[in-house]
PDB file of all heavy atoms in Angstrom:
ATOM      1  N   ASN A   1     115.375  51.850 100.465  1.00  0.00           N
ATOM      2  CA  ASN A   1     116.041  50.709  99.838  1.00  0.00           C
ATOM      3  C   ASN A   1     117.555  50.809 100.018  1.00  0.00           C
ATOM      4  O   ASN A   1     118.235  49.820 100.329  1.00  0.00           O
ATOM      5  CB  ASN A   1     115.673  50.657  98.354  1.00  0.00           C
ATOM      6  CG  ASN A   1     116.292  49.464  97.635  1.00  0.00           C
ATOM      7  OD1 ASN A   1     116.503  48.418  98.238  1.00  0.00           O
ATOM      8  ND2 ASN A   1     116.573  49.614  96.357  1.00  0.00           N
ATOM      9  N   ILE A   2     118.087  52.010  99.840  1.00  0.00           N
ATOM     10  CA  ILE A   2     119.534  52.207  99.996  1.00  0.00           C
ATOM     11  C   ILE A   2     119.939  52.020 101.459  1.00  0.00           C
ATOM     12  O   ILE A   2     120.959  51.387 101.763  1.00  0.00           O
ATOM     13  CB  ILE A   2     119.944  53.602  99.490  1.00  0.00           C
ATOM     14  CG1 ILE A   2     119.782  53.659  97.960  1.00  0.00           C
ATOM     15  CG2 ILE A   2     121.385  53.931  99.887  1.00  0.00           C
ATOM     16  CD1 ILE A   2     119.926  55.037  97.369  1.00  0.00           C
ATOM     17  N   ALA A   3     119.127  52.561 102.373  1.00  0.00           N
ATOM     18  CA  ALA A   3     119.424  52.397 103.802  1.00  0.00           C
ATOM     19  C   ALA A   3     119.455  50.920 104.181  1.00  0.00           C
ATOM     20  O   ALA A   3     120.324  50.469 104.934  1.00  0.00           O
ATOM     21  CB  ALA A   3     118.384  53.134 104.642  1.00  0.00           C
ATOM     22  N   LYS A   4     118.507  50.147 103.647  1.00  0.00           N
ATOM     23  CA  LYS A   4     118.475  48.714 103.934  1.00  0.00           C
ATOM     24  C   LYS A   4     119.724  48.027 103.392  1.00  0.00           C
ATOM     25  O   LYS A   4     120.328  47.172 104.066  1.00  0.00           O
ATOM     26  CB  LYS A   4     117.229  48.078 103.327  1.00  0.00           C
ATOM     27  CG  LYS A   4     117.162  46.565 103.541  1.00  0.00           C
ATOM     28  CD  LYS A   4     115.943  45.948 102.875  1.00  0.00           C
ATOM     29  CE  LYS A   4     115.945  44.426 103.045  1.00  0.00           C
ATOM     30  NZ  LYS A   4     114.787  43.783 102.398  1.00  0.00           N
ATOM     31  N   ARG A   5     120.125  48.387 102.182  1.00  0.00           N
ATOM     32  CA  ARG A   5     121.301  47.763 101.592  1.00  0.00           C
ATOM     33  C   ARG A   5     122.570  48.062 102.393  1.00  0.00           C
ATOM     34  O   ARG A   5     123.459  47.223 102.511  1.00  0.00           O
ATOM     35  CB  ARG A   5     121.467  48.230 100.139  1.00  0.00           C
ATOM     36  CG  ARG A   5     120.399  47.654  99.194  1.00  0.00           C
ATOM     37  CD  ARG A   5     120.507  48.275  97.803  1.00  0.00           C
ATOM     38  NE  ARG A   5     119.459  47.786  96.918  1.00  0.00           N
ATOM     39  CZ  ARG A   5     119.547  46.697  96.161  1.00  0.00           C
ATOM     40  NH1 ARG A   5     120.661  45.971  96.206  1.00  0.00           N
ATOM     41  NH2 ARG A   5     118.560  46.330  95.378  1.00  0.00           N
ATOM     42  N   ILE A   6     122.658  49.281 102.959  1.00  0.00           N
ATOM     43  CA  ILE A   6     123.800  49.608 103.809  1.00  0.00           C
ATOM     44  C   ILE A   6     123.777  48.740 105.060  1.00  0.00           C
ATOM     45  O   ILE A   6     124.794  48.204 105.490  1.00  0.00           O
ATOM     46  CB  ILE A   6     123.787  51.106 104.203  1.00  0.00           C
ATOM     47  CG1 ILE A   6     123.986  51.992 102.972  1.00  0.00           C
ATOM     48  CG2 ILE A   6     124.881  51.394 105.235  1.00  0.00           C
ATOM     49  CD1 ILE A   6     123.808  53.466 103.241  1.00  0.00           C
ATOM     50  N   ALA A   7     122.579  48.589 105.638  1.00  0.00           N
ATOM     51  CA  ALA A   7     122.442  47.861 106.894  1.00  0.00           C
ATOM     52  C   ALA A   7     122.828  46.388 106.766  1.00  0.00           C
ATOM     53  O   ALA A   7     123.409  45.811 107.679  1.00  0.00           O
ATOM     54  CB  ALA A   7     121.009  47.975 107.406  1.00  0.00           C
ATOM     55  N   ILE A   8     122.504  45.768 105.641  1.00  0.00           N
ATOM     56  CA  ILE A   8     122.762  44.333 105.484  1.00  0.00           C
ATOM     57  C   ILE A   8     124.055  44.052 104.722  1.00  0.00           C
ATOM     58  O   ILE A   8     124.389  42.909 104.466  1.00  0.00           O
ATOM     59  CB  ILE A   8     121.578  43.630 104.778  1.00  0.00           C
ATOM     60  CG1 ILE A   8     121.395  44.154 103.347  1.00  0.00           C
ATOM     61  CG2 ILE A   8     120.298  43.802 105.576  1.00  0.00           C
ATOM     62  CD1 ILE A   8     120.295  43.443 102.571  1.00  0.00           C
ATOM     63  N   MET A   9     124.784  45.098 104.388  1.00  0.00           N
ATOM     64  CA  MET A   9     126.025  44.937 103.624  1.00  0.00           C
ATOM     65  C   MET A   9     127.096  44.290 104.476  1.00  0.00           C
ATOM     66  O   MET A   9     127.233  44.572 105.657  1.00  0.00           O
ATOM     67  CB  MET A   9     126.496  46.310 103.145  1.00  0.00           C
ATOM     68  CG  MET A   9     127.677  46.269 102.189  1.00  0.00           C
ATOM     69  SD  MET A   9     128.165  47.948 101.719  1.00  0.00           S
ATOM     70  CE  MET A   9     126.665  48.521 100.931  1.00  0.00           C
ATOM     71  N   GLU A  10     127.864  43.415 103.872  1.00  0.00           N
ATOM     72  CA  GLU A  10     128.984  42.796 104.570  1.00  0.00           C
ATOM     73  C   GLU A  10     130.280  43.215 103.888  1.00  0.00           C
ATOM     74  O   GLU A  10     130.515  44.389 103.666  1.00  0.00           O
ATOM     75  CB  GLU A  10     128.796  41.276 104.594  1.00  0.00           C
ATOM     76  CG  GLU A  10     127.554  40.863 105.401  1.00  0.00           C
ATOM     77  CD  GLU A  10     127.361  39.373 105.452  1.00  0.00           C
ATOM     78  OE1 GLU A  10     128.087  38.642 104.757  1.00  0.00           O
ATOM     79  OE2 GLU A  10     126.473  38.925 106.214  1.00  0.00           O
ATOM     80  N   ARG A  11     131.121  42.274 103.515  1.00  0.00           N
ATOM     81  CA  ARG A  11     132.377  42.642 102.864  1.00  0.00           C
ATOM     82  C   ARG A  11     132.190  42.718 101.353  1.00  0.00           C
ATOM     83  O   ARG A  11     131.363  42.008 100.787  1.00  0.00           O
ATOM     84  CB  ARG A  11     133.476  41.642 103.212  1.00  0.00           C
ATOM     85  CG  ARG A  11     133.757  41.565 104.699  1.00  0.00           C
ATOM     86  CD  ARG A  11     134.971  40.715 104.983  1.00  0.00           C
ATOM     87  NE  ARG A  11     136.202  41.360 104.560  1.00  0.00           N
ATOM     88  CZ  ARG A  11     136.864  42.232 105.307  1.00  0.00           C
ATOM     89  NH1 ARG A  11     136.408  42.572 106.493  1.00  0.00           N
ATOM     90  NH2 ARG A  11     137.996  42.761 104.873  1.00  0.00           N
ATOM     91  N   THR A  12     132.980  43.568 100.731  1.00  0.00           N
ATOM     92  CA  THR A  12     132.872  43.781  99.286  1.00  0.00           C
ATOM     93  C   THR A  12     134.179  43.416  98.608  1.00  0.00           C
ATOM     94  O   THR A  12     135.256  43.705  99.122  1.00  0.00           O
ATOM     95  CB  THR A  12     132.534  45.257  98.989  1.00  0.00           C
ATOM     96  OG1 THR A  12     131.339  45.606  99.680  1.00  0.00           O
ATOM     97  CG2 THR A  12     132.341  45.475  97.500  1.00  0.00           C
ATOM     98  N   SER A  13     134.078  42.799  97.450  1.00  0.00           N
ATOM     99  CA  SER A  13     135.259  42.387  96.701  1.00  0.00           C
ATOM    100  C   SER A  13     136.140  43.589  96.371  1.00  0.00           C
ATOM    101  O   SER A  13     135.655  44.615  95.888  1.00  0.00           O
ATOM    102  CB  SER A  13     134.820  41.699  95.402  1.00  0.00           C
ATOM    103  OG  SER A  13     135.885  41.655  94.481  1.00  0.00           O
ATOM    104  N   PRO A  14     137.445  43.490  96.600  1.00  0.00           N
ATOM    105  CA  PRO A  14     138.354  44.578  96.224  1.00  0.00           C
ATOM    106  C   PRO A  14     138.274  44.918  94.741  1.00  0.00           C
ATOM    107  O   PRO A  14     138.422  46.079  94.355  1.00  0.00           O
ATOM    108  CB  PRO A  14     139.730  44.009  96.593  1.00  0.00           C
ATOM    109  CG  PRO A  14     139.460  43.016  97.661  1.00  0.00           C
ATOM    110  CD  PRO A  14     138.143  42.407  97.312  1.00  0.00           C
ATOM    111  N   ASP A  15     138.019  43.914  93.897  1.00  0.00           N
ATOM    112  CA  ASP A  15     137.926  44.169  92.453  1.00  0.00           C
ATOM    113  C   ASP A  15     136.734  45.069  92.134  1.00  0.00           C
ATOM    114  O   ASP A  15     136.822  45.963  91.276  1.00  0.00           O
ATOM    115  CB  ASP A  15     137.797  42.848  91.690  1.00  0.00           C
ATOM    116  CG  ASP A  15     139.082  42.026  91.742  1.00  0.00           C
ATOM    117  OD1 ASP A  15     140.144  42.638  91.945  1.00  0.00           O
ATOM    118  OD2 ASP A  15     139.004  40.794  91.598  1.00  0.00           O
ATOM    119  N   ILE A  16     135.619  44.812  92.811  1.00  0.00           N
ATOM    120  CA  ILE A  16     134.428  45.635  92.592  1.00  0.00           C
ATOM    121  C   ILE A  16     134.687  47.060  93.061  1.00  0.00           C
ATOM    122  O   ILE A  16     134.353  48.031  92.380  1.00  0.00           O
ATOM    123  CB  ILE A  16     133.216  45.035  93.327  1.00  0.00           C
ATOM    124  CG1 ILE A  16     132.834  43.694  92.685  1.00  0.00           C
ATOM    125  CG2 ILE A  16     132.023  45.997  93.301  1.00  0.00           C
ATOM    126  CD1 ILE A  16     131.724  42.963  93.396  1.00  0.00           C
ATOM    127  N   LEU A  17     135.282  47.184  94.253  1.00  0.00           N
ATOM    128  CA  LEU A  17     135.604  48.517  94.767  1.00  0.00           C
ATOM    129  C   LEU A  17     136.529  49.265  93.802  1.00  0.00           C
ATOM    130  O   LEU A  17     136.331  50.449  93.532  1.00  0.00           O
ATOM    131  CB  LEU A  17     136.277  48.397  96.134  1.00  0.00           C
ATOM    132  CG  LEU A  17     135.374  48.111  97.333  1.00  0.00           C
ATOM    133  CD1 LEU A  17     136.212  47.835  98.561  1.00  0.00           C
ATOM    134  CD2 LEU A  17     134.440  49.281  97.593  1.00  0.00           C
ATOM    135  N   LYS A  18     137.515  48.554  93.309  1.00  0.00           N
ATOM    136  CA  LYS A  18     138.485  49.178  92.391  1.00  0.00           C
ATOM    137  C   LYS A  18     137.800  49.658  91.119  1.00  0.00           C
ATOM    138  O   LYS A  18     138.079  50.760  90.621  1.00  0.00           O
ATOM    139  CB  LYS A  18     139.581  48.167  92.057  1.00  0.00           C
ATOM    140  CG  LYS A  18     140.710  48.724  91.207  1.00  0.00           C
ATOM    141  CD  LYS A  18     141.805  47.682  91.006  1.00  0.00           C
ATOM    142  CE  LYS A  18     142.944  48.250  90.176  1.00  0.00           C
ATOM    143  NZ  LYS A  18     144.022  47.237  89.976  1.00  0.00           N
ATOM    144  N   GLU A  19     136.893  48.849  90.610  1.00  0.00           N
ATOM    145  CA  GLU A  19     136.194  49.217  89.378  1.00  0.00           C
ATOM    146  C   GLU A  19     135.318  50.451  89.585  1.00  0.00           C
ATOM    147  O   GLU A  19     135.322  51.384  88.774  1.00  0.00           O
ATOM    148  CB  GLU A  19     135.334  48.035  88.911  1.00  0.00           C
ATOM    149  CG  GLU A  19     134.604  48.295  87.605  1.00  0.00           C
ATOM    150  CD  GLU A  19     133.785  47.097  87.161  1.00  0.00           C
ATOM    151  OE1 GLU A  19     133.949  45.995  87.750  1.00  0.00           O
ATOM    152  OE2 GLU A  19     132.971  47.261  86.234  1.00  0.00           O
ATOM    153  N   ILE A  20     134.559  50.462  90.693  1.00  0.00           N
ATOM    154  CA  ILE A  20     133.673  51.601  90.976  1.00  0.00           C
ATOM    155  C   ILE A  20     134.495  52.854  91.202  1.00  0.00           C
ATOM    156  O   ILE A  20     134.160  53.942  90.702  1.00  0.00           O
ATOM    157  CB  ILE A  20     132.785  51.299  92.196  1.00  0.00           C
ATOM    158  CG1 ILE A  20     131.843  50.135  91.886  1.00  0.00           C
ATOM    159  CG2 ILE A  20     131.975  52.539  92.591  1.00  0.00           C
ATOM    160  CD1 ILE A  20     131.060  49.652  93.082  1.00  0.00           C
ATOM    161  N   GLU A  21     135.566  52.733  91.974  1.00  0.00           N
ATOM    162  CA  GLU A  21     136.419  53.891  92.224  1.00  0.00           C
ATOM    163  C   GLU A  21     136.989  54.452  90.925  1.00  0.00           C
ATOM    164  O   GLU A  21     137.064  55.676  90.748  1.00  0.00           O
ATOM    165  CB  GLU A  21     137.568  53.517  93.152  1.00  0.00           C
ATOM    166  CG  GLU A  21     137.214  53.607  94.616  1.00  0.00           C
ATOM    167  CD  GLU A  21     138.450  53.780  95.466  1.00  0.00           C
ATOM    168  OE1 GLU A  21     139.408  53.015  95.276  1.00  0.00           O
ATOM    169  OE2 GLU A  21     138.452  54.680  96.309  1.00  0.00           O
ATOM    170  N   GLY A  22     137.394  53.560  90.036  1.00  0.00           N
ATOM    171  CA  GLY A  22     137.975  53.998  88.771  1.00  0.00           C
ATOM    172  C   GLY A  22     137.003  54.841  87.970  1.00  0.00           C
ATOM    173  O   GLY A  22     137.375  55.894  87.411  1.00  0.00           O
ATOM    174  N   VAL A  23     135.752  54.403  87.935  1.00  0.00           N
ATOM    175  CA  VAL A  23     134.732  55.145  87.193  1.00  0.00           C
ATOM    176  C   VAL A  23     134.506  56.516  87.824  1.00  0.00           C
ATOM    177  O   VAL A  23     134.442  57.545  87.135  1.00  0.00           O
ATOM    178  CB  VAL A  23     133.409  54.351  87.157  1.00  0.00           C
ATOM    179  CG1 VAL A  23     132.294  55.198  86.562  1.00  0.00           C
ATOM    180  CG2 VAL A  23     133.586  53.066  86.351  1.00  0.00           C
ATOM    181  N   LEU A  24     134.384  56.538  89.147  1.00  0.00           N
ATOM    182  CA  LEU A  24     134.107  57.799  89.838  1.00  0.00           C
ATOM    183  C   LEU A  24     135.294  58.754  89.756  1.00  0.00           C
ATOM    184  O   LEU A  24     135.131  59.968  89.609  1.00  0.00           O
ATOM    185  CB  LEU A  24     133.751  57.526  91.305  1.00  0.00           C
ATOM    186  CG  LEU A  24     132.449  56.762  91.534  1.00  0.00           C
ATOM    187  CD1 LEU A  24     132.228  56.504  93.017  1.00  0.00           C
ATOM    188  CD2 LEU A  24     131.263  57.527  90.958  1.00  0.00           C
ATOM    189  N   LYS A  25     136.497  58.215  89.862  1.00  0.00           N
ATOM    190  CA  LYS A  25     137.689  59.060  89.737  1.00  0.00           C
ATOM    191  C   LYS A  25     137.744  59.728  88.366  1.00  0.00           C
ATOM    192  O   LYS A  25     138.088  60.902  88.251  1.00  0.00           O
ATOM    193  CB  LYS A  25     138.949  58.226  89.938  1.00  0.00           C
ATOM    194  CG  LYS A  25     139.241  57.835  91.372  1.00  0.00           C
ATOM    195  CD  LYS A  25     140.483  56.962  91.403  1.00  0.00           C
ATOM    196  CE  LYS A  25     140.739  56.421  92.786  1.00  0.00           C
ATOM    197  NZ  LYS A  25     141.890  55.507  92.818  1.00  0.00           N
ATOM    198  N   GLU A  26     137.397  58.951  87.373  1.00  0.00           N
ATOM    199  CA  GLU A  26     137.415  59.502  86.015  1.00  0.00           C
ATOM    200  C   GLU A  26     136.402  60.630  85.890  1.00  0.00           C
ATOM    201  O   GLU A  26     136.685  61.663  85.279  1.00  0.00           O
ATOM    202  CB  GLU A  26     137.103  58.387  85.011  1.00  0.00           C
ATOM    203  CG  GLU A  26     137.260  58.816  83.558  1.00  0.00           C
ATOM    204  CD  GLU A  26     137.063  57.677  82.586  1.00  0.00           C
ATOM    205  OE1 GLU A  26     137.084  56.510  83.035  1.00  0.00           O
ATOM    206  OE2 GLU A  26     136.881  57.960  81.389  1.00  0.00           O
ATOM    207  N   LYS A  27     135.227  60.433  86.470  1.00  0.00           N
ATOM    208  CA  LYS A  27     134.193  61.468  86.401  1.00  0.00           C
ATOM    209  C   LYS A  27     134.614  62.726  87.153  1.00  0.00           C
ATOM    210  O   LYS A  27     134.308  63.841  86.751  1.00  0.00           O
ATOM    211  CB  LYS A  27     132.877  60.949  86.979  1.00  0.00           C
ATOM    212  CG  LYS A  27     132.183  59.900  86.106  1.00  0.00           C
ATOM    213  CD  LYS A  27     130.849  59.495  86.716  1.00  0.00           C
ATOM    214  CE  LYS A  27     130.125  58.477  85.836  1.00  0.00           C
ATOM    215  NZ  LYS A  27     128.820  58.062  86.436  1.00  0.00           N
ATOM    216  N   LEU A  28     135.287  62.547  88.255  1.00  0.00           N
ATOM    217  CA  LEU A  28     135.698  63.702  89.061  1.00  0.00           C
ATOM    218  C   LEU A  28     137.064  64.250  88.650  1.00  0.00           C
ATOM    219  O   LEU A  28     137.519  65.247  89.198  1.00  0.00           O
ATOM    220  CB  LEU A  28     135.760  63.309  90.538  1.00  0.00           C
ATOM    221  CG  LEU A  28     134.418  63.139  91.253  1.00  0.00           C
ATOM    222  CD1 LEU A  28     134.642  62.634  92.672  1.00  0.00           C
ATOM    223  CD2 LEU A  28     133.648  64.450  91.287  1.00  0.00           C
ATOM    224  N   SER A  29     137.682  63.570  87.694  1.00  0.00           N
ATOM    225  CA  SER A  29     139.026  63.953  87.245  1.00  0.00           C
ATOM    226  C   SER A  29     139.985  64.066  88.431  1.00  0.00           C
ATOM    227  O   SER A  29     140.725  65.050  88.569  1.00  0.00           O
ATOM    228  CB  SER A  29     138.964  65.302  86.502  1.00  0.00           C
ATOM    229  OG  SER A  29     138.146  65.205  85.362  1.00  0.00           O
ATOM    230  N   SER A  30     139.931  63.048  89.284  1.00  0.00           N
ATOM    231  CA  SER A  30     140.754  63.046  90.481  1.00  0.00           C
ATOM    232  C   SER A  30     141.535  61.747  90.539  1.00  0.00           C
ATOM    233  O   SER A  30     141.118  60.742  89.982  1.00  0.00           O
ATOM    234  CB  SER A  30     139.877  63.186  91.728  1.00  0.00           C
ATOM    235  OG  SER A  30     140.665  63.122  92.881  1.00  0.00           O
ATOM    236  N   VAL A  31     142.675  61.779  91.200  1.00  0.00           N
ATOM    237  CA  VAL A  31     143.510  60.590  91.331  1.00  0.00           C
ATOM    238  C   VAL A  31     143.673  60.286  92.818  1.00  0.00           C
ATOM    239  O   VAL A  31     143.997  61.161  93.600  1.00  0.00           O
ATOM    240  CB  VAL A  31     144.896  60.801  90.708  1.00  0.00           C
ATOM    241  CG1 VAL A  31     145.758  59.563  90.916  1.00  0.00           C
ATOM    242  CG2 VAL A  31     144.758  61.122  89.236  1.00  0.00           C
ATOM    243  N   ALA A  32     143.459  59.028  93.199  1.00  0.00           N
ATOM    244  CA  ALA A  32     143.659  58.615  94.583  1.00  0.00           C
ATOM    245  C   ALA A  32     143.977  57.133  94.617  1.00  0.00           C
ATOM    246  O   ALA A  32     143.650  56.394  93.707  1.00  0.00           O
ATOM    247  CB  ALA A  32     142.403  58.913  95.402  1.00  0.00           C
TER     248      ALA A  32
END
């Protein structure tokens, strides 16, 4: 299912990327 989603993925909203990155950065205690 994940492989299929990668294959058919197109462009992603910068806002969505920013939100996901923020959550992951917080979990990893990293800044980028």
